[in-house]
Amino acid sequence: MKTIWFFVVCIGLVLLPVLAACSQPVSTDVVSSDKPRATASAGQGDLASLVDGNNMFALDLYRELKGKQGNLFYSPYSISQALAMTYAGARDTTEKEMAVALHFTLPQNSLHPAFNSLDQQLKARGQGAKGKDDRGFRLNIVNAIWGQKDYRFLPEYLDVLAQNYGAGLRTLDFRSEPETCRQIINKWVEDQTEQRIKDLLQEGDIDPLTRLVLTNAIYFNAAWADSFDKNLTRPAPFHLLDSSTVEVPMMQHSERMGYAAGEGYQAVSLPYDGHELEMVVMLPDQGKFAEFEQSLDGDRLKEIIETIAPTQVNLRFPRFKIESQFDLGGALSGMGMPTAFTDLADFSGMTGNRDLYISAVVHKAFVEVDEAGTEAAAATAVVMRATAMPLEPKVVTVDRPFIFIIRDIQTESVIFVGRMVNPLL
């Protein structure tokens, strides 16, 4: 059976420059909190609140990003988790605004254990399921913290990250050798992603005022539950938003799968082996893409997913590749957390002082889908500076712009969001 490889990397980075200086040589000694990662203990109510909030954030962010021309792809789960680790040190107005923008409805002492529970549930997926290669299904989530040697971070802040995100503190000397530190972190990223993400941190991202970098990586490798037959792929037209057409390789699949149809759209779900994760493709009716896109928020996504039911479907689906890059500072400010990007920010929960603010949030993502599989990567950098069966099968021909998500079925957590408007871009 043809298999699908879905490889995802979500890197959350937080750089905290301050006025303190240190001149020790570069080191990667682990000087972590002595608090081990806690066993998942969040209740179902807290977990449901976290997932609902994350999914609302995922679609709120889509509405902010949809004005970008062309295709787009990003990992809202990566962004949420990177900002959650930042949020652990936020206080007062900064904390309140971040909670609104990120849809964090739980108090801090419940939010981070809920993230821990969600991570551990996701890590348990795919037991016995297939990956593209001989190593089987993988969904790995890894965190690490890189801090300035001899710089003091509040023990309670490090405890939150160690217990709930499994992130141990690794010491470096950003002040004396920022370029070497950048290379060390990039090498760790490459190792965690099997060389798929290289040179994540560019020259200048690390400088002598950097004091902390938090990294989060997700690796996903899975087979389709029912694979596409490459021999059935044929050139076919894909209708663009400007009414022109391009010819693309169109894959074909006829199986019983999840299907829904509503006012202005069709939707199909494509499960991965093990039936624990799936891709949900939402295809607006011809000429209705802008209207559908404008209406798509967390509530409507939930409504669409709830109507999906097993149906015989003749699916035609294009091969495609998307590469996206975003500076999210403006979007996040517009979503309700502007103070975090000014010198009025309060991240005193990290160091005990109000000397840090977010100067940039950058996100990059890549996805490629074909008969053999799907390859994807995503990275986030948060830079902080001081201051039923029908009689006839349903036909779904994805020959025009569409929106898709990849989600965990049991928790309903949206991990990735994408928009394809031109497979040849």
Protein backbone atom coordinates (compact mmCIF):
# COMPACT_ATOMS: atom_id res chain seq x y z
CA MET A 1 0.00 0.00 0.00
CA LYS A 2 1.29 3.44 -0.87
CA THR A 3 2.08 5.35 2.26
CA ILE A 4 2.01 8.93 3.31
CA TRP A 5 4.71 10.64 5.23
CA PHE A 6 3.68 13.67 7.16
CA PHE A 7 6.64 15.36 8.73
CA VAL A 8 6.06 18.42 10.82
CA VAL A 9 8.33 20.61 12.72
CA CYS A 10 7.04 23.31 14.90
CA ILE A 11 9.79 25.38 16.52
CA GLY A 12 8.85 27.90 19.20
CA LEU A 13 11.68 30.32 20.03
CA VAL A 14 11.82 32.95 22.71
CA LEU A 15 14.87 35.22 22.88
CA LEU A 16 15.21 37.34 26.00
CA PRO A 17 17.89 40.06 25.87
CA VAL A 18 18.64 42.01 29.05
CA LEU A 19 21.31 44.34 30.35
CA ALA A 20 23.21 41.74 32.39
CA ALA A 21 26.50 40.57 30.89
CA CYS A 22 28.54 37.41 31.20
CA SER A 23 31.79 36.28 29.58
CA GLN A 24 31.95 32.51 30.14
CA PRO A 25 32.93 30.21 27.22
CA VAL A 26 30.21 28.50 25.19
CA SER A 27 28.73 25.49 26.97
CA THR A 28 25.79 23.20 26.51
CA ASP A 29 25.72 21.98 30.11
CA VAL A 30 22.22 21.08 31.25
CA VAL A 31 21.39 23.13 34.33
CA SER A 32 17.72 22.28 34.47
CA SER A 33 15.05 22.65 37.08
CA ASP A 34 15.09 19.65 39.37
CA LYS A 35 11.36 19.22 38.70
CA PRO A 36 10.77 16.32 36.27
CA ARG A 37 7.99 16.45 33.69
CA ALA A 38 4.74 15.79 35.51
CA THR A 39 2.45 12.92 34.65
CA ALA A 40 -0.57 14.21 32.74
CA SER A 41 -3.23 15.12 35.30
CA ALA A 42 -5.51 17.73 33.72
CA GLY A 43 -9.20 16.92 33.81
CA GLN A 44 -11.28 16.48 30.67
CA GLY A 45 -12.94 19.85 31.26
CA ASP A 46 -9.59 21.67 31.31
CA LEU A 47 -8.36 19.74 28.28
CA ALA A 48 -11.55 20.53 26.34
CA SER A 49 -11.23 24.23 27.26
CA LEU A 50 -7.62 24.29 26.06
CA VAL A 51 -8.42 22.58 22.75
CA ASP A 52 -11.44 24.81 22.11
CA GLY A 53 -9.32 27.89 22.80
CA ASN A 54 -6.43 26.70 20.64
CA ASN A 55 -8.79 25.94 17.76
CA MET A 56 -10.44 29.35 18.08
CA PHE A 57 -6.97 30.92 17.97
CA ALA A 58 -6.08 28.80 14.92
CA LEU A 59 -8.99 30.22 12.91
CA ASP A 60 -8.69 33.75 14.32
CA LEU A 61 -5.11 33.74 13.09
CA TYR A 62 -6.26 32.45 9.70
CA ARG A 63 -8.58 35.42 9.41
CA GLU A 64 -5.61 37.73 10.12
CA LEU A 65 -3.33 35.97 7.62
CA LYS A 66 -5.78 35.36 4.78
CA GLY A 67 -5.01 38.73 3.23
CA LYS A 68 -1.57 37.43 2.26
CA GLN A 69 -1.44 36.71 -1.46
CA GLY A 70 -1.32 33.12 -2.69
CA ASN A 71 -1.08 29.88 -0.77
CA LEU A 72 -0.42 29.74 2.96
CA PHE A 73 0.38 27.10 5.55
CA TYR A 74 1.16 27.34 9.26
CA SER A 75 1.02 25.42 12.53
CA PRO A 76 -1.24 27.12 15.08
CA TYR A 77 -0.32 24.44 17.63
CA SER A 78 3.35 25.40 17.35
CA ILE A 79 2.52 29.07 17.74
CA SER A 80 0.15 28.43 20.67
CA GLN A 81 2.70 26.31 22.52
CA ALA A 82 5.60 28.72 21.91
CA LEU A 83 3.49 31.60 23.15
CA ALA A 84 2.18 29.53 26.09
CA MET A 85 5.76 29.11 27.33
CA THR A 86 6.17 32.89 26.95
CA TYR A 87 2.81 33.47 28.67
CA ALA A 88 4.05 31.56 31.72
CA GLY A 89 6.21 34.61 32.48
CA ALA A 90 3.61 37.28 31.60
CA ARG A 91 1.94 39.35 34.31
CA ASP A 92 -0.77 42.02 34.70
CA THR A 93 -1.99 43.70 31.49
CA THR A 94 0.41 41.70 29.32
CA GLU A 95 -0.94 38.44 30.72
CA LYS A 96 -4.57 39.50 30.29
CA GLU A 97 -4.10 40.62 26.69
CA MET A 98 -2.22 37.46 25.74
CA ALA A 99 -4.99 35.36 27.26
CA VAL A 100 -7.57 37.16 25.12
CA ALA A 101 -5.59 36.89 21.88
CA LEU A 102 -4.60 33.25 22.42
CA HIS A 103 -8.00 32.20 23.85
CA PHE A 104 -6.37 30.96 27.05
CA THR A 105 -9.43 30.69 29.30
CA LEU A 106 -7.78 28.62 32.03
CA PRO A 107 -5.77 30.17 34.87
CA GLN A 108 -2.00 29.74 34.65
CA ASN A 109 -1.94 26.91 37.20
CA SER A 110 -4.39 24.94 35.04
CA LEU A 111 -3.34 25.99 31.54
CA HIS A 112 0.18 24.55 31.56
CA PRO A 113 -0.85 21.14 33.02
CA ALA A 114 -3.53 21.03 30.30
CA PHE A 115 -0.86 21.59 27.62
CA ASN A 116 1.13 18.79 29.28
CA SER A 117 -1.86 16.45 29.14
CA LEU A 118 -2.55 17.31 25.50
CA ASP A 119 1.10 16.75 24.55
CA GLN A 120 1.17 13.37 26.27
CA GLN A 121 -2.05 12.28 24.59
CA LEU A 122 -0.67 13.28 21.18
CA LYS A 123 2.57 11.41 21.87
CA ALA A 124 0.57 8.24 22.57
CA ARG A 125 -0.94 8.21 19.08
CA GLY A 126 -0.13 5.65 16.42
CA GLN A 127 0.69 2.57 18.45
CA GLY A 128 1.20 -0.15 15.81
CA ALA A 129 0.31 2.19 12.95
CA LYS A 130 2.42 2.64 9.82
CA GLY A 131 4.76 5.39 8.80
CA LYS A 132 6.16 5.98 5.35
CA ASP A 133 9.35 4.15 6.27
CA ASP A 134 10.08 0.98 8.20
CA ARG A 135 10.20 2.78 11.55
CA GLY A 136 6.42 3.12 11.84
CA PHE A 137 4.15 5.98 12.88
CA ARG A 138 5.74 8.85 14.81
CA LEU A 139 4.32 11.93 16.43
CA ASN A 140 7.12 13.33 18.59
CA ILE A 141 6.96 16.57 20.57
CA VAL A 142 10.22 17.90 22.06
CA ASN A 143 11.12 21.08 23.96
CA ALA A 144 14.42 22.59 25.13
CA ILE A 145 15.53 25.86 26.75
CA TRP A 146 18.80 27.62 25.96
CA GLY A 147 19.82 30.20 28.58
CA GLN A 148 22.72 32.60 29.13
CA LYS A 149 25.35 31.01 31.36
CA ASP A 150 25.26 32.43 34.91
CA TYR A 151 22.11 34.45 34.21
CA ARG A 152 19.40 34.00 36.82
CA PHE A 153 15.90 32.94 35.82
CA LEU A 154 13.22 32.53 38.44
CA PRO A 155 13.15 28.90 39.66
CA GLU A 156 9.34 28.85 39.62
CA TYR A 157 9.35 29.82 35.92
CA LEU A 158 11.84 27.08 35.06
CA ASP A 159 9.75 24.63 37.10
CA VAL A 160 6.62 25.41 35.03
CA LEU A 161 8.48 24.71 31.78
CA ALA A 162 10.22 21.59 33.10
CA GLN A 163 7.11 20.03 34.62
CA ASN A 164 4.66 20.86 31.84
CA TYR A 165 6.77 21.11 28.67
CA GLY A 166 9.68 18.78 29.54
CA ALA A 167 12.06 21.64 28.76
CA GLY A 168 15.41 21.53 30.53
CA LEU A 169 17.70 24.57 30.65
CA ARG A 170 20.90 24.24 28.55
CA THR A 171 23.46 26.98 29.16
CA LEU A 172 25.21 28.95 26.42
CA ASP A 173 27.19 32.20 26.31
CA PHE A 174 25.21 34.40 23.96
CA ARG A 175 27.13 37.53 25.00
CA SER A 176 30.60 36.33 24.05
CA GLU A 177 29.88 33.98 21.15
CA PRO A 178 26.40 34.60 19.71
CA GLU A 179 27.21 33.08 16.31
CA THR A 180 28.50 29.86 17.86
CA CYS A 181 25.38 29.70 20.03
CA ARG A 182 23.20 30.13 16.93
CA GLN A 183 24.96 27.22 15.24
CA ILE A 184 24.55 25.00 18.32
CA ILE A 185 20.80 25.63 18.47
CA ASN A 186 20.43 25.18 14.71
CA LYS A 187 22.27 21.86 14.95
CA TRP A 188 19.86 20.70 17.67
CA VAL A 189 16.92 21.72 15.46
CA GLU A 190 18.39 19.80 12.51
CA ASP A 191 18.92 16.69 14.65
CA GLN A 192 15.38 16.77 16.03
CA THR A 193 13.91 17.17 12.55
CA GLU A 194 16.11 14.64 10.74
CA GLN A 195 17.80 17.47 8.82
CA ARG A 196 14.50 18.84 7.45
CA ILE A 197 14.85 22.26 9.09
CA LYS A 198 18.28 23.83 8.59
CA ASP A 199 19.54 27.29 9.54
CA LEU A 200 16.34 28.12 11.38
CA LEU A 201 18.05 30.99 13.19
CA GLN A 202 19.57 33.41 10.69
CA GLU A 203 22.59 35.65 11.28
CA GLY A 204 21.57 38.43 13.62
CA ASP A 205 18.76 36.50 15.29
CA ILE A 206 21.13 35.74 18.18
CA ASP A 207 23.14 38.68 19.52
CA PRO A 208 25.03 39.57 22.72
CA LEU A 209 21.78 40.70 24.41
CA THR A 210 20.06 37.33 23.94
CA ARG A 211 19.40 35.60 27.25
CA LEU A 212 17.00 32.75 26.52
CA VAL A 213 15.83 30.67 23.54
CA LEU A 214 12.96 28.20 23.91
CA THR A 215 12.61 25.55 21.20
CA ASN A 216 9.67 23.27 20.45
CA ALA A 217 9.74 20.61 17.72
CA ILE A 218 7.00 18.30 16.41
CA TYR A 219 7.82 15.40 14.13
CA PHE A 220 4.99 13.49 12.43
CA ASN A 221 5.39 10.49 10.11
CA ALA A 222 2.29 8.51 9.12
CA ALA A 223 0.70 6.51 6.32
CA TRP A 224 -2.73 7.18 4.84
CA ALA A 225 -5.31 4.72 6.08
CA ASP A 226 -6.23 4.24 2.39
CA SER A 227 -3.52 5.32 -0.02
CA PHE A 228 -3.79 6.92 -3.46
CA ASP A 229 -2.83 4.86 -6.50
CA LYS A 230 -0.17 6.78 -8.42
CA ASN A 231 -1.20 5.05 -11.63
CA LEU A 232 -4.54 6.86 -11.51
CA THR A 233 -3.03 10.35 -11.38
CA ARG A 234 -3.80 12.38 -14.49
CA PRO A 235 -3.26 15.99 -15.63
CA ALA A 236 -6.43 18.02 -15.01
CA PRO A 237 -7.46 21.68 -14.82
CA PHE A 238 -7.42 23.60 -11.53
CA HIS A 239 -9.55 26.77 -11.53
CA LEU A 240 -7.85 29.79 -9.96
CA LEU A 241 -9.50 32.67 -8.13
CA ASP A 242 -9.11 34.95 -11.16
CA SER A 243 -11.13 32.47 -13.29
CA SER A 244 -8.08 31.28 -15.22
CA THR A 245 -6.99 27.62 -15.10
CA VAL A 246 -3.73 25.74 -14.73
CA GLU A 247 -3.05 22.07 -15.42
CA VAL A 248 -2.03 20.06 -12.35
CA PRO A 249 -1.40 16.38 -11.52
CA MET A 250 -4.75 15.24 -10.09
CA MET A 251 -4.74 12.19 -7.83
CA GLN A 252 -7.82 9.94 -7.67
CA HIS A 253 -9.34 7.88 -4.91
CA SER A 254 -12.68 6.07 -4.60
CA GLU A 255 -13.38 4.88 -1.07
CA ARG A 256 -15.80 5.18 1.82
CA MET A 257 -14.62 8.24 3.73
CA GLY A 258 -15.89 11.09 5.85
CA TYR A 259 -17.98 13.55 3.84
CA ALA A 260 -20.12 16.61 4.51
CA ALA A 261 -21.91 19.16 2.35
CA GLY A 262 -23.45 22.39 3.49
CA GLU A 263 -24.37 25.80 2.18
CA GLY A 264 -21.52 26.79 -0.11
CA TYR A 265 -19.09 23.93 0.50
CA GLN A 266 -18.16 20.25 0.48
CA ALA A 267 -15.76 18.63 2.95
CA VAL A 268 -13.92 15.32 3.14
CA SER A 269 -11.76 13.79 5.86
CA LEU A 270 -8.71 11.67 5.00
CA PRO A 271 -7.58 9.61 8.01
CA TYR A 272 -4.05 8.44 8.63
CA ASP A 273 -3.22 4.84 9.48
CA GLY A 274 -4.58 4.06 12.93
CA HIS A 275 -7.50 6.47 12.46
CA GLU A 276 -6.25 8.81 15.18
CA LEU A 277 -5.34 11.82 13.04
CA GLU A 278 -6.85 13.10 9.82
CA MET A 279 -6.67 15.78 7.17
CA VAL A 280 -9.96 17.65 6.66
CA VAL A 281 -10.29 19.33 3.24
CA MET A 282 -12.94 22.06 2.89
CA LEU A 283 -13.86 22.88 -0.72
CA PRO A 284 -15.97 26.01 -1.23
CA ASP A 285 -18.41 26.02 -4.15
CA GLN A 286 -17.25 27.61 -7.37
CA GLY A 287 -17.21 31.39 -6.92
CA LYS A 288 -17.81 31.13 -3.15
CA PHE A 289 -14.24 30.91 -1.85
CA ALA A 290 -14.03 34.47 -0.46
CA GLU A 291 -17.44 34.19 1.18
CA PHE A 292 -16.61 30.84 2.76
CA GLU A 293 -13.16 31.98 3.88
CA GLN A 294 -14.63 35.05 5.55
CA SER A 295 -17.16 32.92 7.45
CA LEU A 296 -14.67 30.32 8.66
CA ASP A 297 -14.00 30.61 12.38
CA GLY A 298 -13.63 28.13 15.22
CA ASP A 299 -17.37 27.69 15.67
CA ARG A 300 -18.04 27.04 11.98
CA LEU A 301 -15.12 24.61 11.75
CA LYS A 302 -16.58 22.66 14.67
CA GLU A 303 -20.00 22.65 13.01
CA ILE A 304 -18.54 21.34 9.73
CA ILE A 305 -16.57 18.58 11.44
CA GLU A 306 -19.62 17.48 13.43
CA THR A 307 -21.58 16.94 10.19
CA ILE A 308 -18.93 14.74 8.54
CA ALA A 309 -20.18 11.16 8.16
CA PRO A 310 -18.95 8.04 6.30
CA THR A 311 -19.97 8.10 2.64
CA GLN A 312 -18.76 6.57 -0.60
CA VAL A 313 -16.70 9.30 -2.28
CA ASN A 314 -15.00 9.58 -5.65
CA LEU A 315 -12.23 12.00 -4.72
CA ARG A 316 -9.94 13.88 -7.08
CA PHE A 317 -7.21 15.72 -5.19
CA PRO A 318 -4.20 17.66 -6.56
CA ARG A 319 -0.57 17.19 -5.71
CA PHE A 320 0.67 20.45 -4.22
CA LYS A 321 3.42 22.21 -2.32
CA ILE A 322 3.20 25.33 -0.13
CA GLU A 323 5.94 27.43 1.42
CA SER A 324 4.89 30.28 3.73
CA GLN A 325 6.62 32.84 5.92
CA PHE A 326 4.98 35.31 8.28
CA ASP A 327 5.90 38.08 10.68
CA LEU A 328 3.10 37.61 13.17
CA GLY A 329 3.72 40.67 15.35
CA GLY A 330 1.12 42.80 13.63
CA ALA A 331 -1.43 40.00 13.49
CA LEU A 332 -1.05 39.16 17.18
CA SER A 333 -1.22 42.82 18.17
CA GLY A 334 -4.40 43.15 16.14
CA MET A 335 -5.82 40.06 17.84
CA GLY A 336 -5.62 41.73 21.24
CA MET A 337 -2.10 41.56 22.72
CA PRO A 338 -0.42 44.86 21.71
CA THR A 339 1.23 45.58 25.08
CA ALA A 340 3.50 42.54 24.77
CA PHE A 341 5.19 44.27 21.80
CA THR A 342 5.97 47.52 23.66
CA ASP A 343 8.25 48.58 26.49
CA LEU A 344 5.17 48.53 28.74
CA ALA A 345 5.18 44.72 28.61
CA ASP A 346 5.42 42.81 31.87
CA PHE A 347 7.25 39.48 31.64
CA SER A 348 8.51 39.72 35.20
CA GLY A 349 7.45 36.13 35.82
CA MET A 350 10.59 35.06 33.91
CA THR A 351 13.28 37.04 35.71
CA GLY A 352 11.57 39.08 38.43
CA ASN A 353 12.03 42.31 36.47
CA ARG A 354 9.90 44.18 33.90
CA ASP A 355 12.71 44.44 31.37
CA LEU A 356 11.48 42.34 28.45
CA TYR A 357 9.10 42.78 25.51
CA ILE A 358 8.41 40.83 22.30
CA SER A 359 10.13 42.43 19.33
CA ALA A 360 9.09 39.89 16.69
CA VAL A 361 7.14 36.68 16.15
CA VAL A 362 8.23 34.93 12.95
CA HIS A 363 6.70 31.75 11.52
CA LYS A 364 7.78 29.64 8.55
CA ALA A 365 6.09 26.54 7.17
CA PHE A 366 6.34 24.07 4.30
CA VAL A 367 4.06 21.27 3.08
CA GLU A 368 4.19 19.00 0.02
CA VAL A 369 1.48 16.45 -0.86
CA ASP A 370 1.70 13.75 -3.52
CA GLU A 371 0.84 10.06 -3.96
CA ALA A 372 3.85 8.90 -1.96
CA GLY A 373 3.10 11.09 0.99
CA THR A 374 3.15 14.49 2.62
CA GLU A 375 6.24 16.29 3.86
CA ALA A 376 5.87 19.35 6.05
CA ALA A 377 7.83 21.58 8.37
CA ALA A 378 6.99 24.61 10.47
CA ALA A 379 9.00 26.93 12.70
CA THR A 380 8.09 29.75 15.06
CA ALA A 381 10.43 32.36 16.56
CA VAL A 382 9.35 34.73 19.33
CA VAL A 383 12.10 37.30 19.81
CA MET A 384 12.08 39.19 23.10
CA ARG A 385 14.13 42.25 23.93
CA ALA A 386 14.50 44.38 27.00
CA THR A 387 12.43 46.96 27.94
CA ALA A 388 -24.81 6.94 5.98
CA MET A 389 -24.14 5.26 2.53
CA PRO A 390 -25.89 7.07 -0.39
CA LEU A 391 -27.36 5.40 -3.49
CA GLU A 392 -24.73 7.15 -5.60
CA PRO A 393 -21.20 8.00 -4.49
CA LYS A 394 -20.48 11.64 -3.73
CA VAL A 395 -18.11 13.28 -6.18
CA VAL A 396 -15.53 15.68 -4.82
CA THR A 397 -13.21 17.22 -7.42
CA VAL A 398 -10.78 19.52 -5.72
CA ASP A 399 -10.12 21.58 -8.83
CA ARG A 400 -10.35 25.02 -7.27
CA PRO A 401 -9.00 26.81 -4.18
CA PHE A 402 -9.57 25.00 -0.89
CA ILE A 403 -8.77 25.18 2.81
CA PHE A 404 -7.50 22.25 4.85
CA ILE A 405 -6.57 21.36 8.40
CA ILE A 406 -4.79 18.46 10.06
CA ARG A 407 -6.16 17.55 13.47
CA ASP A 408 -6.12 14.97 16.23
CA ILE A 409 -9.48 13.21 16.15
CA GLN A 410 -9.94 12.29 19.82
CA THR A 411 -9.01 15.67 21.33
CA GLU A 412 -10.22 17.62 18.26
CA SER A 413 -6.99 19.65 18.42
CA VAL A 414 -6.15 21.49 15.19
CA ILE A 415 -2.41 21.11 14.58
CA PHE A 416 -2.04 22.64 11.10
CA VAL A 417 -4.06 24.97 8.85
CA GLY A 418 -3.54 25.57 5.13
CA ARG A 419 -4.97 27.27 2.07
CA MET A 420 -4.26 26.13 -1.49
CA VAL A 421 -5.18 28.57 -4.25
CA ASN A 422 -2.67 27.50 -6.93
CA PRO A 423 -0.88 24.10 -6.84
CA LEU A 424 1.78 25.34 -9.24
CA LEU A 425 3.05 28.23 -7.12
